[in-house]
Amino acid sequence: MPAYTPGVAIQTACDRCHAPLVKDAAYCDKCGERTQKARRLVRVAIRVELLFIALVILLVAGFTLIYYFQRP
């Protein structure tokens, strides 16, 4: 299963130094620049982390409210 969206063109050269990239590269071997695929994966990872943090905050707030309203 590919780690990129189907139908998206595969990057073959670095955006910064224009060196050829190996297949499925996340970084350029010559200059270390992130590829478009790596940038996209980082954006997805950040969104997942933010969603997880928001869910944890909602869970804590929910338990706090339940505890508060059950107190005699």
PDB file of N, CA and C in Angstrom:
ATOM      1  N   MET A   1       0.854  -1.184   0.000  1.00  0.00           N
ATOM      2  CA  MET A   1       0.000   0.000   0.000  1.00  0.00           C
ATOM      3  C   MET A   1       0.890   1.235   0.000  1.00  0.00           C
ATOM      4  N   PRO A   2       0.729   2.115  -0.952  1.00  0.00           N
ATOM      5  CA  PRO A   2       1.581   3.302  -1.012  1.00  0.00           C
ATOM      6  C   PRO A   2       1.262   4.276   0.113  1.00  0.00           C
ATOM      7  N   ALA A   3       2.298   5.021   0.516  1.00  0.00           N
ATOM      8  CA  ALA A   3       2.145   6.000   1.597  1.00  0.00           C
ATOM      9  C   ALA A   3       1.797   7.376   1.050  1.00  0.00           C
ATOM     10  N   TYR A   4       1.320   7.447  -0.148  1.00  0.00           N
ATOM     11  CA  TYR A   4       0.931   8.722  -0.751  1.00  0.00           C
ATOM     12  C   TYR A   4      -0.424   8.563  -1.400  1.00  0.00           C
ATOM     13  N   THR A   5      -1.026   9.664  -1.736  1.00  0.00           N
ATOM     14  CA  THR A   5      -2.333   9.645  -2.361  1.00  0.00           C
ATOM     15  C   THR A   5      -2.215   9.130  -3.790  1.00  0.00           C
ATOM     16  N   PRO A   6      -2.999   8.110  -4.163  1.00  0.00           N
ATOM     17  CA  PRO A   6      -2.946   7.625  -5.538  1.00  0.00           C
ATOM     18  C   PRO A   6      -3.301   8.738  -6.528  1.00  0.00           C
ATOM     19  N   GLY A   7      -2.636   8.736  -7.642  1.00  0.00           N
ATOM     20  CA  GLY A   7      -2.888   9.740  -8.655  1.00  0.00           C
ATOM     21  C   GLY A   7      -1.981  10.950  -8.542  1.00  0.00           C
ATOM     22  N   VAL A   8      -1.206  11.034  -7.454  1.00  0.00           N
ATOM     23  CA  VAL A   8      -0.276  12.146  -7.281  1.00  0.00           C
ATOM     24  C   VAL A   8       1.028  11.767  -7.966  1.00  0.00           C
ATOM     25  N   ALA A   9       1.602  12.695  -8.704  1.00  0.00           N
ATOM     26  CA  ALA A   9       2.846  12.434  -9.415  1.00  0.00           C
ATOM     27  C   ALA A   9       3.972  12.158  -8.428  1.00  0.00           C
ATOM     28  N   ILE A  10       4.855  11.253  -8.769  1.00  0.00           N
ATOM     29  CA  ILE A  10       5.995  10.906  -7.927  1.00  0.00           C
ATOM     30  C   ILE A  10       7.124  11.881  -8.229  1.00  0.00           C
ATOM     31  N   GLN A  11       7.685  12.461  -7.174  1.00  0.00           N
ATOM     32  CA  GLN A  11       8.759  13.442  -7.325  1.00  0.00           C
ATOM     33  C   GLN A  11      10.049  12.710  -7.694  1.00  0.00           C
ATOM     34  N   THR A  12      10.709  13.152  -8.754  1.00  0.00           N
ATOM     35  CA  THR A  12      11.923  12.484  -9.221  1.00  0.00           C
ATOM     36  C   THR A  12      13.175  13.309  -9.001  1.00  0.00           C
ATOM     37  N   ALA A  13      13.028  14.610  -8.708  1.00  0.00           N
ATOM     38  CA  ALA A  13      14.188  15.470  -8.490  1.00  0.00           C
ATOM     39  C   ALA A  13      13.933  16.387  -7.308  1.00  0.00           C
ATOM     40  N   CYS A  14      15.004  16.753  -6.625  1.00  0.00           N
ATOM     41  CA  CYS A  14      14.917  17.624  -5.453  1.00  0.00           C
ATOM     42  C   CYS A  14      14.475  19.031  -5.873  1.00  0.00           C
ATOM     43  N   ASP A  15      13.630  19.656  -5.034  1.00  0.00           N
ATOM     44  CA  ASP A  15      13.172  21.014  -5.331  1.00  0.00           C
ATOM     45  C   ASP A  15      14.286  22.038  -5.157  1.00  0.00           C
ATOM     46  N   ARG A  16      15.215  21.791  -4.254  1.00  0.00           N
ATOM     47  CA  ARG A  16      16.273  22.761  -3.961  1.00  0.00           C
ATOM     48  C   ARG A  16      17.481  22.613  -4.892  1.00  0.00           C
ATOM     49  N   CYS A  17      18.050  21.395  -4.934  1.00  0.00           N
ATOM     50  CA  CYS A  17      19.301  21.226  -5.692  1.00  0.00           C
ATOM     51  C   CYS A  17      19.110  20.502  -7.020  1.00  0.00           C
ATOM     52  N   HIS A  18      17.908  20.037  -7.304  1.00  0.00           N
ATOM     53  CA  HIS A  18      17.552  19.356  -8.553  1.00  0.00           C
ATOM     54  C   HIS A  18      18.314  18.050  -8.777  1.00  0.00           C
ATOM     55  N   ALA A  19      18.829  17.457  -7.700  1.00  0.00           N
ATOM     56  CA  ALA A  19      19.491  16.161  -7.802  1.00  0.00           C
ATOM     57  C   ALA A  19      18.412  15.080  -7.943  1.00  0.00           C
ATOM     58  N   PRO A  20      18.721  14.004  -8.642  1.00  0.00           N
ATOM     59  CA  PRO A  20      17.735  12.925  -8.769  1.00  0.00           C
ATOM     60  C   PRO A  20      17.492  12.259  -7.420  1.00  0.00           C
ATOM     61  N   LEU A  21      16.247  11.845  -7.193  1.00  0.00           N
ATOM     62  CA  LEU A  21      15.874  11.196  -5.937  1.00  0.00           C
ATOM     63  C   LEU A  21      15.663   9.709  -6.166  1.00  0.00           C
ATOM     64  N   VAL A  22      15.976   8.921  -5.142  1.00  0.00           N
ATOM     65  CA  VAL A  22      15.684   7.491  -5.221  1.00  0.00           C
ATOM     66  C   VAL A  22      14.179   7.298  -5.043  1.00  0.00           C
ATOM     67  N   LYS A  23      13.676   6.139  -5.416  1.00  0.00           N
ATOM     68  CA  LYS A  23      12.245   5.875  -5.329  1.00  0.00           C
ATOM     69  C   LYS A  23      11.788   5.933  -3.865  1.00  0.00           C
ATOM     70  N   ASP A  24      10.650   6.568  -3.618  1.00  0.00           N
ATOM     71  CA  ASP A  24      10.043   6.706  -2.289  1.00  0.00           C
ATOM     72  C   ASP A  24      10.947   7.415  -1.289  1.00  0.00           C
ATOM     73  N   ALA A  25      11.780   8.324  -1.753  1.00  0.00           N
ATOM     74  CA  ALA A  25      12.675   9.062  -0.856  1.00  0.00           C
ATOM     75  C   ALA A  25      11.887  10.092  -0.062  1.00  0.00           C
ATOM     76  N   ALA A  26      12.258  10.262   1.215  1.00  0.00           N
ATOM     77  CA  ALA A  26      11.650  11.288   2.048  1.00  0.00           C
ATOM     78  C   ALA A  26      12.550  12.516   2.114  1.00  0.00           C
ATOM     79  N   TYR A  27      13.845  12.310   1.903  1.00  0.00           N
ATOM     80  CA  TYR A  27      14.816  13.399   1.950  1.00  0.00           C
ATOM     81  C   TYR A  27      15.773  13.263   0.781  1.00  0.00           C
ATOM     82  N   CYS A  28      16.321  14.380   0.348  1.00  0.00           N
ATOM     83  CA  CYS A  28      17.312  14.385  -0.726  1.00  0.00           C
ATOM     84  C   CYS A  28      18.641  13.877  -0.162  1.00  0.00           C
ATOM     85  N   ASP A  29      19.280  12.962  -0.876  1.00  0.00           N
ATOM     86  CA  ASP A  29      20.562  12.431  -0.427  1.00  0.00           C
ATOM     87  C   ASP A  29      21.673  13.477  -0.504  1.00  0.00           C
ATOM     88  N   LYS A  30      21.529  14.441  -1.396  1.00  0.00           N
ATOM     89  CA  LYS A  30      22.590  15.419  -1.595  1.00  0.00           C
ATOM     90  C   LYS A  30      22.498  16.598  -0.621  1.00  0.00           C
ATOM     91  N   CYS A  31      21.330  17.214  -0.498  1.00  0.00           N
ATOM     92  CA  CYS A  31      21.221  18.425   0.326  1.00  0.00           C
ATOM     93  C   CYS A  31      20.389  18.250   1.588  1.00  0.00           C
ATOM     94  N   GLY A  32      19.660  17.142   1.708  1.00  0.00           N
ATOM     95  CA  GLY A  32      18.872  16.890   2.905  1.00  0.00           C
ATOM     96  C   GLY A  32      17.495  17.534   2.922  1.00  0.00           C
ATOM     97  N   GLU A  33      17.091  18.165   1.846  1.00  0.00           N
ATOM     98  CA  GLU A  33      15.772  18.808   1.755  1.00  0.00           C
ATOM     99  C   GLU A  33      14.676  17.742   1.796  1.00  0.00           C
ATOM    100  N   ARG A  34      13.578  18.049   2.509  1.00  0.00           N
ATOM    101  CA  ARG A  34      12.434  17.135   2.540  1.00  0.00           C
ATOM    102  C   ARG A  34      11.742  17.122   1.193  1.00  0.00           C
ATOM    103  N   THR A  35      11.271  15.954   0.801  1.00  0.00           N
ATOM    104  CA  THR A  35      10.524  15.854  -0.453  1.00  0.00           C
ATOM    105  C   THR A  35       9.080  16.266  -0.207  1.00  0.00           C
ATOM    106  N   GLN A  36       8.329  16.417  -1.269  1.00  0.00           N
ATOM    107  CA  GLN A  36       6.919  16.781  -1.151  1.00  0.00           C
ATOM    108  C   GLN A  36       6.150  15.692  -0.407  1.00  0.00           C
ATOM    109  N   LYS A  37       6.534  14.453  -0.614  1.00  0.00           N
ATOM    110  CA  LYS A  37       5.895  13.328   0.081  1.00  0.00           C
ATOM    111  C   LYS A  37       6.127  13.440   1.587  1.00  0.00           C
ATOM    112  N   ALA A  38       7.343  13.758   1.992  1.00  0.00           N
ATOM    113  CA  ALA A  38       7.662  13.875   3.414  1.00  0.00           C
ATOM    114  C   ALA A  38       6.905  15.043   4.043  1.00  0.00           C
ATOM    115  N   ARG A  39       6.802  16.151   3.332  1.00  0.00           N
ATOM    116  CA  ARG A  39       6.045  17.305   3.853  1.00  0.00           C
ATOM    117  C   ARG A  39       4.575  16.932   4.065  1.00  0.00           C
ATOM    118  N   ARG A  40       4.014  16.202   3.108  1.00  0.00           N
ATOM    119  CA  ARG A  40       2.621  15.793   3.196  1.00  0.00           C
ATOM    120  C   ARG A  40       2.414  14.846   4.388  1.00  0.00           C
ATOM    121  N   LEU A  41       3.330  13.914   4.592  1.00  0.00           N
ATOM    122  CA  LEU A  41       3.217  12.979   5.702  1.00  0.00           C
ATOM    123  C   LEU A  41       3.354  13.686   7.055  1.00  0.00           C
ATOM    124  N   VAL A  42       4.208  14.692   7.128  1.00  0.00           N
ATOM    125  CA  VAL A  42       4.370  15.452   8.365  1.00  0.00           C
ATOM    126  C   VAL A  42       3.087  16.221   8.671  1.00  0.00           C
ATOM    127  N   ARG A  43       2.475  16.812   7.650  1.00  0.00           N
ATOM    128  CA  ARG A  43       1.209  17.537   7.872  1.00  0.00           C
ATOM    129  C   ARG A  43       0.126  16.603   8.389  1.00  0.00           C
ATOM    130  N   VAL A  44       0.053  15.401   7.844  1.00  0.00           N
ATOM    131  CA  VAL A  44      -0.941  14.433   8.311  1.00  0.00           C
ATOM    132  C   VAL A  44      -0.647  14.036   9.755  1.00  0.00           C
ATOM    133  N   ALA A  45       0.616  13.806  10.075  1.00  0.00           N
ATOM    134  CA  ALA A  45       0.985  13.412  11.440  1.00  0.00           C
ATOM    135  C   ALA A  45       0.644  14.505  12.442  1.00  0.00           C
ATOM    136  N   ILE A  46       0.868  15.760  12.085  1.00  0.00           N
ATOM    137  CA  ILE A  46       0.544  16.870  12.984  1.00  0.00           C
ATOM    138  C   ILE A  46      -0.962  16.944  13.205  1.00  0.00           C
ATOM    139  N   ARG A  47      -1.741  16.760  12.152  1.00  0.00           N
ATOM    140  CA  ARG A  47      -3.202  16.782  12.299  1.00  0.00           C
ATOM    141  C   ARG A  47      -3.688  15.665  13.210  1.00  0.00           C
ATOM    142  N   VAL A  48      -3.116  14.485  13.076  1.00  0.00           N
ATOM    143  CA  VAL A  48      -3.505  13.356  13.927  1.00  0.00           C
ATOM    144  C   VAL A  48      -3.145  13.641  15.379  1.00  0.00           C
ATOM    145  N   GLU A  49      -1.971  14.203  15.627  1.00  0.00           N
ATOM    146  CA  GLU A  49      -1.569  14.538  16.990  1.00  0.00           C
ATOM    147  C   GLU A  49      -2.497  15.585  17.604  1.00  0.00           C
ATOM    148  N   LEU A  50      -2.845  16.612  16.843  1.00  0.00           N
ATOM    149  CA  LEU A  50      -3.749  17.641  17.358  1.00  0.00           C
ATOM    150  C   LEU A  50      -5.131  17.067  17.660  1.00  0.00           C
ATOM    151  N   LEU A  51      -5.607  16.177  16.804  1.00  0.00           N
ATOM    152  CA  LEU A  51      -6.883  15.524  17.046  1.00  0.00           C
ATOM    153  C   LEU A  51      -6.829  14.679  18.316  1.00  0.00           C
ATOM    154  N   PHE A  52      -5.744  13.950  18.514  1.00  0.00           N
ATOM    155  CA  PHE A  52      -5.585  13.128  19.709  1.00  0.00           C
ATOM    156  C   PHE A  52      -5.560  13.999  20.968  1.00  0.00           C
ATOM    157  N   ILE A  53      -4.838  15.106  20.937  1.00  0.00           N
ATOM    158  CA  ILE A  53      -4.776  16.014  22.090  1.00  0.00           C
ATOM    159  C   ILE A  53      -6.163  16.584  22.388  1.00  0.00           C
ATOM    160  N   ALA A  54      -6.892  16.966  21.359  1.00  0.00           N
ATOM    161  CA  ALA A  54      -8.240  17.506  21.559  1.00  0.00           C
ATOM    162  C   ALA A  54      -9.158  16.451  22.176  1.00  0.00           C
ATOM    163  N   LEU A  55      -9.050  15.210  21.733  1.00  0.00           N
ATOM    164  CA  LEU A  55      -9.875  14.150  22.300  1.00  0.00           C
ATOM    165  C   LEU A  55      -9.531  13.879  23.755  1.00  0.00           C
ATOM    166  N   VAL A  56      -8.258  13.932  24.110  1.00  0.00           N
ATOM    167  CA  VAL A  56      -7.852  13.744  25.505  1.00  0.00           C
ATOM    168  C   VAL A  56      -8.401  14.877  26.365  1.00  0.00           C
ATOM    169  N   ILE A  57      -8.330  16.103  25.866  1.00  0.00           N
ATOM    170  CA  ILE A  57      -8.858  17.248  26.618  1.00  0.00           C
ATOM    171  C   ILE A  57     -10.369  17.090  26.832  1.00  0.00           C
ATOM    172  N   LEU A  58     -11.096  16.683  25.788  1.00  0.00           N
ATOM    173  CA  LEU A  58     -12.537  16.453  25.928  1.00  0.00           C
ATOM    174  C   LEU A  58     -12.841  15.332  26.912  1.00  0.00           C
ATOM    175  N   LEU A  59     -12.050  14.287  26.899  1.00  0.00           N
ATOM    176  CA  LEU A  59     -12.237  13.179  27.822  1.00  0.00           C
ATOM    177  C   LEU A  59     -12.031  13.634  29.269  1.00  0.00           C
ATOM    178  N   VAL A  60     -10.973  14.388  29.524  1.00  0.00           N
ATOM    179  CA  VAL A  60     -10.715  14.897  30.874  1.00  0.00           C
ATOM    180  C   VAL A  60     -11.825  15.847  31.306  1.00  0.00           C
ATOM    181  N   ALA A  61     -12.254  16.720  30.421  1.00  0.00           N
ATOM    182  CA  ALA A  61     -13.335  17.654  30.755  1.00  0.00           C
ATOM    183  C   ALA A  61     -14.631  16.891  31.043  1.00  0.00           C
ATOM    184  N   GLY A  62     -14.918  15.852  30.287  1.00  0.00           N
ATOM    185  CA  GLY A  62     -16.111  15.048  30.511  1.00  0.00           C
ATOM    186  C   GLY A  62     -16.092  14.365  31.861  1.00  0.00           C
ATOM    187  N   PHE A  63     -14.971  13.738  32.197  1.00  0.00           N
ATOM    188  CA  PHE A  63     -14.869  13.093  33.503  1.00  0.00           C
ATOM    189  C   PHE A  63     -14.933  14.107  34.636  1.00  0.00           C
ATOM    190  N   THR A  64     -14.369  15.277  34.438  1.00  0.00           N
ATOM    191  CA  THR A  64     -14.429  16.328  35.462  1.00  0.00           C
ATOM    192  C   THR A  64     -15.865  16.771  35.699  1.00  0.00           C
ATOM    193  N   LEU A  65     -16.620  16.974  34.631  1.00  0.00           N
ATOM    194  CA  LEU A  65     -18.019  17.365  34.774  1.00  0.00           C
ATOM    195  C   LEU A  65     -18.850  16.273  35.451  1.00  0.00           C
ATOM    196  N   ILE A  66     -18.609  15.042  35.073  1.00  0.00           N
ATOM    197  CA  ILE A  66     -19.339  13.937  35.706  1.00  0.00           C
ATOM    198  C   ILE A  66     -19.029  13.886  37.194  1.00  0.00           C
ATOM    199  N   TYR A  67     -17.776  13.999  37.544  1.00  0.00           N
ATOM    200  CA  TYR A  67     -17.390  13.976  38.951  1.00  0.00           C
ATOM    201  C   TYR A  67     -17.995  15.162  39.698  1.00  0.00           C
ATOM    202  N   TYR A  68     -17.976  16.334  39.083  1.00  0.00           N
ATOM    203  CA  TYR A  68     -18.500  17.546  39.729  1.00  0.00           C
ATOM    204  C   TYR A  68     -19.995  17.423  40.027  1.00  0.00           C
ATOM    205  N   PHE A  69     -20.765  16.916  39.079  1.00  0.00           N
ATOM    206  CA  PHE A  69     -22.227  16.831  39.255  1.00  0.00           C
ATOM    207  C   PHE A  69     -22.649  15.651  40.133  1.00  0.00           C
ATOM    208  N   GLN A  70     -21.785  14.685  40.360  1.00  0.00           N
ATOM    209  CA  GLN A  70     -22.120  13.555  41.221  1.00  0.00           C
ATOM    210  C   GLN A  70     -21.784  13.806  42.683  1.00  0.00           C
ATOM    211  N   ARG A  71     -21.060  14.856  42.973  1.00  0.00           N
ATOM    212  CA  ARG A  71     -20.693  15.147  44.358  1.00  0.00           C
ATOM    213  C   ARG A  71     -21.939  15.528  45.154  1.00  0.00           C
ATOM    214  N   PRO A  72     -22.032  15.049  46.433  1.00  0.00           N
ATOM    215  CA  PRO A  72     -23.213  15.372  47.243  1.00  0.00           C
ATOM    216  C   PRO A  72     -23.223  16.805  47.720  1.00  0.00           C
TER     217      PRO A  72
END
